[in-house]
N, C-alpha and C. Protein backbone atom coordinates (compact mmCIF):
# COMPACT_ATOMS: atom_id res chain seq x y z
N UNK A 1 20.50 -27.67 32.30
CA UNK A 1 20.93 -26.30 32.52
C UNK A 1 21.08 -25.55 31.19
N UNK A 2 21.59 -26.25 30.17
CA UNK A 2 21.80 -25.62 28.89
C UNK A 2 20.47 -25.19 28.26
N UNK A 3 19.44 -26.00 28.40
CA UNK A 3 18.13 -25.69 27.86
C UNK A 3 17.56 -24.43 28.53
N UNK A 4 17.68 -24.32 29.84
CA UNK A 4 17.21 -23.14 30.56
C UNK A 4 17.92 -21.88 30.08
N UNK A 5 19.21 -22.00 29.85
CA UNK A 5 20.00 -20.86 29.37
C UNK A 5 19.52 -20.43 27.98
N UNK A 6 19.26 -21.40 27.11
CA UNK A 6 18.77 -21.09 25.76
C UNK A 6 17.40 -20.43 25.82
N UNK A 7 16.54 -20.92 26.68
CA UNK A 7 15.21 -20.35 26.82
C UNK A 7 15.30 -18.91 27.29
N UNK A 8 16.16 -18.63 28.27
CA UNK A 8 16.34 -17.25 28.76
C UNK A 8 16.86 -16.34 27.65
N UNK A 9 17.79 -16.84 26.85
CA UNK A 9 18.33 -16.02 25.76
C UNK A 9 17.26 -15.72 24.71
N UNK A 10 16.47 -16.72 24.36
CA UNK A 10 15.42 -16.50 23.37
C UNK A 10 14.36 -15.54 23.91
N UNK A 11 14.05 -15.65 25.17
CA UNK A 11 13.07 -14.76 25.79
C UNK A 11 13.57 -13.31 25.75
N UNK A 12 14.85 -13.12 25.93
CA UNK A 12 15.43 -11.77 25.94
C UNK A 12 15.35 -11.10 24.57
N UNK A 13 15.32 -11.88 23.51
CA UNK A 13 15.33 -11.29 22.16
C UNK A 13 14.00 -11.47 21.42
N UNK A 14 12.96 -11.92 22.14
CA UNK A 14 11.67 -12.08 21.48
C UNK A 14 11.17 -10.73 20.96
N UNK A 15 10.39 -10.75 19.88
CA UNK A 15 9.88 -9.48 19.33
C UNK A 15 8.97 -8.77 20.33
N UNK A 16 9.05 -7.47 20.35
CA UNK A 16 8.18 -6.67 21.20
C UNK A 16 6.90 -6.35 20.42
N UNK A 17 5.79 -6.19 21.11
CA UNK A 17 4.52 -5.87 20.43
C UNK A 17 4.62 -4.57 19.65
N UNK A 18 3.98 -4.54 18.49
CA UNK A 18 4.02 -3.36 17.63
C UNK A 18 3.51 -2.11 18.36
N UNK A 19 2.45 -2.27 19.12
CA UNK A 19 1.90 -1.11 19.85
C UNK A 19 2.94 -0.52 20.79
N UNK A 20 3.76 -1.37 21.39
CA UNK A 20 4.81 -0.90 22.30
C UNK A 20 5.92 -0.22 21.50
N UNK A 21 6.28 -0.77 20.36
CA UNK A 21 7.35 -0.18 19.54
C UNK A 21 6.96 1.19 19.01
N UNK A 22 5.71 1.34 18.60
CA UNK A 22 5.27 2.59 17.97
C UNK A 22 4.61 3.57 18.95
N UNK A 23 4.62 3.22 20.25
CA UNK A 23 4.02 4.11 21.24
C UNK A 23 4.71 5.47 21.18
N UNK A 24 3.90 6.50 21.03
CA UNK A 24 4.45 7.85 20.88
C UNK A 24 3.37 8.87 21.23
N UNK A 25 3.76 10.14 21.33
CA UNK A 25 2.76 11.19 21.61
C UNK A 25 1.68 11.21 20.53
N UNK A 26 0.50 11.68 20.90
CA UNK A 26 -0.66 11.68 20.00
C UNK A 26 -0.37 12.27 18.61
N UNK A 27 0.30 13.42 18.49
CA UNK A 27 0.53 13.97 17.14
C UNK A 27 1.36 13.03 16.24
N UNK A 28 2.29 12.32 16.83
CA UNK A 28 3.11 11.37 16.05
C UNK A 28 2.24 10.19 15.64
N UNK A 29 1.40 9.71 16.54
CA UNK A 29 0.49 8.62 16.21
C UNK A 29 -0.46 9.00 15.09
N UNK A 30 -0.96 10.23 15.14
CA UNK A 30 -1.86 10.72 14.08
C UNK A 30 -1.11 10.77 12.75
N UNK A 31 0.13 11.24 12.78
CA UNK A 31 0.95 11.30 11.57
C UNK A 31 1.12 9.91 10.95
N UNK A 32 1.50 8.94 11.77
CA UNK A 32 1.74 7.58 11.26
C UNK A 32 0.44 6.92 10.80
N UNK A 33 -0.63 7.08 11.58
CA UNK A 33 -1.91 6.51 11.18
C UNK A 33 -2.40 7.10 9.86
N UNK A 34 -2.23 8.39 9.71
CA UNK A 34 -2.68 9.06 8.48
C UNK A 34 -1.87 8.67 7.26
N UNK A 35 -0.61 8.34 7.47
CA UNK A 35 0.27 8.00 6.34
C UNK A 35 0.23 6.52 5.97
N UNK A 36 -0.22 5.67 6.90
CA UNK A 36 -0.21 4.23 6.67
C UNK A 36 -1.06 3.87 5.46
N UNK A 37 -0.54 2.92 4.66
CA UNK A 37 -1.24 2.47 3.46
C UNK A 37 -1.40 0.96 3.52
N UNK A 38 -2.62 0.49 3.30
CA UNK A 38 -2.86 -0.96 3.24
C UNK A 38 -2.72 -1.39 1.79
N UNK A 39 -1.86 -2.35 1.56
CA UNK A 39 -1.60 -2.85 0.21
C UNK A 39 -2.02 -4.31 0.10
N UNK A 40 -2.67 -4.66 -0.99
CA UNK A 40 -3.13 -6.03 -1.24
C UNK A 40 -2.31 -6.63 -2.38
N UNK A 41 -2.01 -7.92 -2.26
CA UNK A 41 -1.23 -8.61 -3.30
C UNK A 41 -1.86 -9.96 -3.59
N UNK A 42 -1.82 -10.34 -4.86
CA UNK A 42 -2.27 -11.67 -5.27
C UNK A 42 -1.09 -12.62 -5.22
N UNK A 43 -1.38 -13.90 -5.16
CA UNK A 43 -0.33 -14.92 -5.16
C UNK A 43 0.57 -14.72 -6.38
N UNK A 44 1.87 -14.74 -6.16
CA UNK A 44 2.85 -14.56 -7.22
C UNK A 44 3.26 -13.12 -7.47
N UNK A 45 2.55 -12.19 -6.90
CA UNK A 45 2.85 -10.77 -7.11
C UNK A 45 4.04 -10.35 -6.23
N UNK A 46 4.92 -9.53 -6.79
CA UNK A 46 6.10 -9.05 -6.08
C UNK A 46 5.73 -7.78 -5.30
N UNK A 47 6.04 -7.78 -4.01
CA UNK A 47 5.79 -6.62 -3.15
C UNK A 47 6.89 -5.59 -3.37
N UNK A 48 8.15 -6.04 -3.33
CA UNK A 48 9.30 -5.19 -3.64
C UNK A 48 10.47 -6.06 -4.07
N UNK A 49 11.40 -5.44 -4.78
CA UNK A 49 12.57 -6.13 -5.32
C UNK A 49 13.82 -5.78 -4.53
N UNK A 50 14.70 -6.74 -4.40
CA UNK A 50 16.01 -6.51 -3.79
C UNK A 50 16.71 -5.38 -4.55
N UNK A 51 17.38 -4.52 -3.82
CA UNK A 51 18.17 -3.39 -4.32
C UNK A 51 17.34 -2.18 -4.72
N UNK A 52 16.00 -2.27 -4.70
CA UNK A 52 15.18 -1.08 -4.93
C UNK A 52 15.25 -0.21 -3.68
N UNK A 53 15.01 1.07 -3.86
CA UNK A 53 14.97 1.99 -2.74
C UNK A 53 13.81 1.59 -1.81
N UNK A 54 14.07 1.57 -0.52
CA UNK A 54 13.07 1.15 0.46
C UNK A 54 12.01 2.24 0.61
N UNK A 55 10.74 1.86 0.43
CA UNK A 55 9.62 2.80 0.52
C UNK A 55 9.16 3.01 1.95
N UNK A 56 9.51 2.11 2.86
CA UNK A 56 9.08 2.26 4.23
C UNK A 56 9.11 0.95 4.99
N UNK A 57 8.44 0.95 6.12
CA UNK A 57 8.38 -0.21 7.00
C UNK A 57 7.11 -0.98 6.67
N UNK A 58 7.23 -2.30 6.53
CA UNK A 58 6.10 -3.14 6.14
C UNK A 58 5.67 -3.99 7.33
N UNK A 59 4.37 -4.04 7.56
CA UNK A 59 3.79 -4.90 8.58
C UNK A 59 2.91 -5.92 7.87
N UNK A 60 3.21 -7.20 8.06
CA UNK A 60 2.40 -8.24 7.43
C UNK A 60 1.08 -8.33 8.18
N UNK A 61 -0.03 -8.15 7.46
CA UNK A 61 -1.36 -8.22 8.05
C UNK A 61 -1.93 -9.62 7.86
N UNK A 62 -1.83 -10.15 6.65
CA UNK A 62 -2.36 -11.49 6.38
C UNK A 62 -1.65 -12.09 5.18
N UNK A 63 -1.80 -13.40 5.03
CA UNK A 63 -1.21 -14.10 3.90
C UNK A 63 0.19 -14.59 4.19
N UNK A 64 0.75 -15.23 3.19
CA UNK A 64 2.10 -15.79 3.29
C UNK A 64 2.96 -15.15 2.21
N UNK A 65 4.06 -14.56 2.65
CA UNK A 65 4.99 -13.90 1.74
C UNK A 65 6.35 -14.58 1.86
N UNK A 66 7.07 -14.65 0.77
CA UNK A 66 8.35 -15.33 0.76
C UNK A 66 9.47 -14.34 0.45
N UNK A 67 10.55 -14.44 1.22
CA UNK A 67 11.73 -13.60 1.01
C UNK A 67 12.77 -14.40 0.25
N UNK A 68 13.40 -13.76 -0.72
CA UNK A 68 14.49 -14.41 -1.46
C UNK A 68 15.57 -13.36 -1.72
N UNK A 69 16.81 -13.73 -1.48
CA UNK A 69 17.93 -12.81 -1.71
C UNK A 69 18.86 -13.42 -2.75
N UNK A 70 19.41 -12.58 -3.59
CA UNK A 70 20.30 -13.05 -4.65
C UNK A 70 21.68 -12.47 -4.44
N UNK A 71 22.68 -13.33 -4.47
CA UNK A 71 24.09 -12.94 -4.42
C UNK A 71 24.77 -13.58 -5.61
N UNK A 72 25.14 -12.74 -6.56
CA UNK A 72 25.73 -13.27 -7.79
C UNK A 72 24.70 -14.13 -8.51
N UNK A 73 25.04 -15.38 -8.77
CA UNK A 73 24.13 -16.30 -9.43
C UNK A 73 23.30 -17.12 -8.45
N UNK A 74 23.56 -16.98 -7.17
CA UNK A 74 22.90 -17.78 -6.15
C UNK A 74 21.69 -17.06 -5.58
N UNK A 75 20.55 -17.76 -5.54
CA UNK A 75 19.34 -17.23 -4.91
C UNK A 75 19.11 -18.03 -3.65
N UNK A 76 18.99 -17.33 -2.54
CA UNK A 76 18.75 -17.96 -1.25
C UNK A 76 17.32 -17.63 -0.81
N UNK A 77 16.54 -18.67 -0.54
CA UNK A 77 15.19 -18.47 -0.04
C UNK A 77 15.28 -18.35 1.47
N UNK A 78 14.77 -17.25 1.97
CA UNK A 78 14.80 -16.99 3.41
C UNK A 78 13.48 -17.43 4.03
N UNK A 79 13.36 -17.32 5.32
CA UNK A 79 12.16 -17.76 6.04
C UNK A 79 10.92 -17.02 5.54
N UNK A 80 9.78 -17.73 5.47
CA UNK A 80 8.53 -17.05 5.10
C UNK A 80 8.11 -16.10 6.22
N UNK A 81 7.22 -15.19 5.89
CA UNK A 81 6.75 -14.21 6.87
C UNK A 81 5.50 -14.72 7.59
N UNK A 82 5.16 -14.03 8.66
CA UNK A 82 3.97 -14.35 9.44
C UNK A 82 3.23 -13.06 9.75
N UNK A 83 1.92 -13.15 9.93
CA UNK A 83 1.12 -11.98 10.29
C UNK A 83 1.70 -11.34 11.55
N UNK A 84 1.79 -10.02 11.53
CA UNK A 84 2.32 -9.27 12.67
C UNK A 84 3.81 -8.98 12.57
N UNK A 85 4.47 -9.54 11.58
CA UNK A 85 5.92 -9.36 11.44
C UNK A 85 6.25 -8.03 10.74
N UNK A 86 7.23 -7.33 11.28
CA UNK A 86 7.74 -6.10 10.66
C UNK A 86 8.86 -6.48 9.69
N UNK A 87 8.83 -5.88 8.52
CA UNK A 87 9.84 -6.18 7.50
C UNK A 87 10.60 -4.92 7.11
N UNK A 88 11.87 -5.11 6.90
CA UNK A 88 12.79 -4.09 6.40
C UNK A 88 13.13 -2.99 7.40
N UNK A 89 13.26 -3.39 8.66
CA UNK A 89 13.72 -2.44 9.67
C UNK A 89 15.08 -1.86 9.30
N UNK A 90 16.01 -2.71 8.91
CA UNK A 90 17.37 -2.24 8.58
C UNK A 90 17.34 -1.26 7.42
N UNK A 91 16.59 -1.59 6.38
CA UNK A 91 16.55 -0.74 5.19
C UNK A 91 15.91 0.62 5.49
N UNK A 92 14.82 0.62 6.24
CA UNK A 92 14.13 1.88 6.51
C UNK A 92 14.93 2.74 7.49
N UNK A 93 15.60 2.12 8.45
CA UNK A 93 16.37 2.90 9.43
C UNK A 93 17.64 3.47 8.82
N UNK A 94 18.16 2.81 7.80
CA UNK A 94 19.38 3.31 7.17
C UNK A 94 19.09 4.19 5.95
N UNK A 95 17.82 4.25 5.56
CA UNK A 95 17.48 5.02 4.36
C UNK A 95 18.02 4.35 3.12
N UNK A 96 18.18 3.04 3.18
CA UNK A 96 18.83 2.31 2.10
C UNK A 96 17.88 1.58 1.17
N UNK A 97 18.39 0.48 0.66
CA UNK A 97 17.65 -0.32 -0.32
C UNK A 97 17.19 -1.63 0.31
N UNK A 98 16.26 -2.28 -0.36
CA UNK A 98 15.76 -3.56 0.11
C UNK A 98 16.86 -4.62 0.06
N UNK A 99 16.88 -5.46 1.08
CA UNK A 99 17.90 -6.50 1.21
C UNK A 99 17.48 -7.82 0.57
N UNK A 100 16.23 -7.92 0.16
CA UNK A 100 15.70 -9.14 -0.43
C UNK A 100 14.50 -8.78 -1.28
N UNK A 101 14.03 -9.75 -2.06
CA UNK A 101 12.80 -9.60 -2.83
C UNK A 101 11.68 -10.27 -2.05
N UNK A 102 10.55 -9.61 -1.95
CA UNK A 102 9.40 -10.14 -1.22
C UNK A 102 8.28 -10.42 -2.21
N UNK A 103 7.82 -11.68 -2.22
CA UNK A 103 6.79 -12.12 -3.15
C UNK A 103 5.66 -12.79 -2.38
N UNK A 104 4.42 -12.49 -2.76
CA UNK A 104 3.26 -13.11 -2.13
C UNK A 104 3.14 -14.56 -2.60
N UNK A 105 3.09 -15.50 -1.67
CA UNK A 105 2.85 -16.90 -2.02
C UNK A 105 1.35 -17.16 -2.07
N UNK A 106 0.59 -16.45 -1.26
CA UNK A 106 -0.86 -16.52 -1.25
C UNK A 106 -1.36 -15.08 -1.32
N UNK A 107 -2.66 -14.91 -1.43
CA UNK A 107 -3.20 -13.55 -1.34
C UNK A 107 -2.72 -12.98 0.00
N UNK A 108 -2.26 -11.75 -0.03
CA UNK A 108 -1.65 -11.18 1.17
C UNK A 108 -1.98 -9.70 1.27
N UNK A 109 -1.89 -9.22 2.50
CA UNK A 109 -2.13 -7.82 2.79
C UNK A 109 -1.01 -7.33 3.71
N UNK A 110 -0.47 -6.16 3.40
CA UNK A 110 0.55 -5.55 4.25
C UNK A 110 0.18 -4.10 4.51
N UNK A 111 0.66 -3.60 5.62
CA UNK A 111 0.50 -2.20 5.96
C UNK A 111 1.86 -1.54 5.76
N UNK A 112 1.90 -0.50 4.96
CA UNK A 112 3.14 0.23 4.69
C UNK A 112 3.13 1.54 5.48
N UNK A 113 4.17 1.71 6.31
CA UNK A 113 4.41 3.00 6.96
C UNK A 113 5.50 3.68 6.13
N UNK A 114 5.13 4.67 5.32
CA UNK A 114 6.08 5.29 4.40
C UNK A 114 7.30 5.89 5.10
N UNK A 115 8.44 5.78 4.43
CA UNK A 115 9.71 6.25 4.98
C UNK A 115 9.67 7.73 5.32
N UNK A 116 9.03 8.55 4.48
CA UNK A 116 9.01 9.99 4.77
C UNK A 116 8.21 10.29 6.04
N UNK A 117 7.11 9.58 6.26
CA UNK A 117 6.32 9.77 7.49
C UNK A 117 7.12 9.30 8.71
N UNK A 118 7.82 8.17 8.57
CA UNK A 118 8.66 7.69 9.66
C UNK A 118 9.76 8.70 9.98
N UNK A 119 10.36 9.26 8.95
CA UNK A 119 11.42 10.26 9.15
C UNK A 119 10.89 11.46 9.93
N UNK A 120 9.70 11.94 9.57
CA UNK A 120 9.10 13.07 10.30
C UNK A 120 8.79 12.65 11.75
N UNK A 121 8.32 11.43 11.92
CA UNK A 121 8.02 10.93 13.27
C UNK A 121 9.29 10.85 14.11
N UNK A 122 10.41 10.40 13.50
CA UNK A 122 11.69 10.32 14.21
C UNK A 122 12.16 11.70 14.65
N UNK A 123 11.95 12.71 13.78
CA UNK A 123 12.36 14.07 14.13
C UNK A 123 11.51 14.62 15.28
N UNK A 124 10.22 14.30 15.26
CA UNK A 124 9.31 14.79 16.31
C UNK A 124 9.48 14.06 17.63
N UNK A 125 9.83 12.78 17.53
CA UNK A 125 9.90 11.93 18.72
C UNK A 125 11.07 10.94 18.58
N UNK A 126 12.32 11.37 18.86
CA UNK A 126 13.51 10.53 18.67
C UNK A 126 13.46 9.16 19.36
N UNK A 127 12.80 8.98 20.51
CA UNK A 127 12.77 7.63 21.11
C UNK A 127 12.15 6.57 20.19
N UNK A 128 11.31 6.99 19.25
CA UNK A 128 10.71 6.03 18.32
C UNK A 128 11.78 5.35 17.48
N UNK A 129 12.72 6.12 16.98
CA UNK A 129 13.83 5.54 16.18
C UNK A 129 14.64 4.57 17.04
N UNK A 130 14.90 4.95 18.28
CA UNK A 130 15.69 4.09 19.17
C UNK A 130 14.96 2.77 19.42
N UNK A 131 13.65 2.82 19.63
CA UNK A 131 12.89 1.58 19.85
C UNK A 131 12.99 0.66 18.64
N UNK A 132 12.90 1.24 17.45
CA UNK A 132 13.00 0.42 16.24
C UNK A 132 14.41 -0.12 16.06
N UNK A 133 15.42 0.66 16.43
CA UNK A 133 16.81 0.16 16.38
C UNK A 133 16.99 -1.00 17.37
N UNK A 134 16.40 -0.88 18.54
CA UNK A 134 16.47 -1.97 19.52
C UNK A 134 15.79 -3.22 18.99
N UNK A 135 14.65 -3.05 18.31
CA UNK A 135 13.94 -4.20 17.73
C UNK A 135 14.80 -4.84 16.63
N UNK A 136 15.49 -4.02 15.85
CA UNK A 136 16.39 -4.56 14.83
C UNK A 136 17.50 -5.38 15.47
N UNK A 137 18.04 -4.91 16.58
CA UNK A 137 19.08 -5.66 17.30
C UNK A 137 18.53 -7.00 17.78
N UNK A 138 17.31 -6.99 18.30
CA UNK A 138 16.69 -8.26 18.73
C UNK A 138 16.49 -9.19 17.54
N UNK A 139 16.09 -8.63 16.40
CA UNK A 139 15.88 -9.43 15.19
C UNK A 139 17.19 -10.12 14.76
N UNK A 140 18.27 -9.37 14.77
CA UNK A 140 19.58 -9.93 14.41
C UNK A 140 19.99 -11.00 15.41
N UNK A 141 19.76 -10.75 16.69
CA UNK A 141 20.09 -11.73 17.72
C UNK A 141 19.28 -13.01 17.55
N UNK A 142 17.99 -12.87 17.22
CA UNK A 142 17.15 -14.06 16.99
C UNK A 142 17.68 -14.87 15.81
N UNK A 143 18.04 -14.19 14.74
CA UNK A 143 18.56 -14.88 13.57
C UNK A 143 19.86 -15.61 13.89
N UNK A 144 20.74 -14.93 14.61
CA UNK A 144 22.01 -15.55 15.00
C UNK A 144 21.75 -16.76 15.89
N UNK A 145 20.87 -16.60 16.85
CA UNK A 145 20.57 -17.68 17.79
C UNK A 145 19.94 -18.86 17.05
N UNK A 146 19.03 -18.59 16.11
CA UNK A 146 18.41 -19.67 15.34
C UNK A 146 19.43 -20.42 14.50
N UNK A 147 20.39 -19.71 13.93
CA UNK A 147 21.46 -20.37 13.18
C UNK A 147 22.29 -21.24 14.10
N UNK A 148 22.55 -20.75 15.30
CA UNK A 148 23.32 -21.50 16.28
C UNK A 148 22.59 -22.78 16.66
N UNK A 149 21.26 -22.67 16.86
CA UNK A 149 20.48 -23.85 17.25
C UNK A 149 20.39 -24.88 16.13
N UNK A 150 20.41 -24.43 14.90
CA UNK A 150 20.21 -25.33 13.76
C UNK A 150 21.50 -25.98 13.25
N UNK A 151 22.62 -25.50 13.70
CA UNK A 151 23.86 -26.08 13.17
C UNK A 151 24.06 -27.48 13.75
N UNK A 152 24.64 -28.36 12.96
CA UNK A 152 24.81 -29.74 13.43
C UNK A 152 25.82 -29.81 14.57
N UNK A 153 25.56 -30.71 15.47
CA UNK A 153 26.49 -30.92 16.58
C UNK A 153 27.71 -31.68 16.07
N UNK A 154 28.85 -31.29 16.51
CA UNK A 154 30.07 -32.00 16.15
C UNK A 154 30.48 -32.87 17.33
N UNK A 155 30.50 -34.13 17.10
CA UNK A 155 30.87 -35.06 18.16
C UNK A 155 32.34 -35.39 18.05
N UNK A 156 32.98 -35.43 19.17
CA UNK A 156 34.38 -35.82 19.21
C UNK A 156 34.49 -37.29 19.57
N UNK A 157 35.35 -37.93 18.87
CA UNK A 157 35.61 -39.33 19.20
C UNK A 157 36.67 -39.38 20.28
N UNK A 158 36.37 -40.13 21.28
CA UNK A 158 37.30 -40.27 22.39
C UNK A 158 37.82 -41.70 22.40
N UNK A 159 39.11 -41.82 22.40
CA UNK A 159 39.72 -43.15 22.45
C UNK A 159 39.87 -43.54 23.89
N UNK A 160 39.29 -44.66 24.23
CA UNK A 160 39.38 -45.16 25.60
C UNK A 160 40.60 -46.06 25.74
N UNK A 161 41.24 -45.94 26.88
CA UNK A 161 42.40 -46.79 27.15
C UNK A 161 41.92 -48.22 27.36
N UNK A 162 42.67 -49.16 26.81
CA UNK A 162 42.27 -50.58 26.91
C UNK A 162 42.70 -51.21 28.19
């Protein structure tokens, strides 16, 4: 029963297809398509640095990219990226800074949807922002759930009566 419950929870927070997230009226689609930039990176090249101003929403097209976050003297390596993954939803939706440094481990290609184009799209079609906020909530839920699944089980010792 517990496995079925976990499967249902994971299914509820699975990522939605990009086409569904960005579905919008034709003029908004034209705006985003026209503003999109394909960026290429060589292995070892930094895509963006933690704490820099966020340039926009990144879609991994190909290659392997590694996320690393620094807190004080500690550097934490986060999960690698996969093709089709959206990066920096929180930063772009808040108009903030990057939460981690992204570095290409192999030759990689990303599609950048610039923040200013996204902002204009949000003004023209507010449901687009809400869809991306919902995807961010699913992303946070997936991360929380994965941490829950990976934590070690604590077994209790039970003393049996003799």
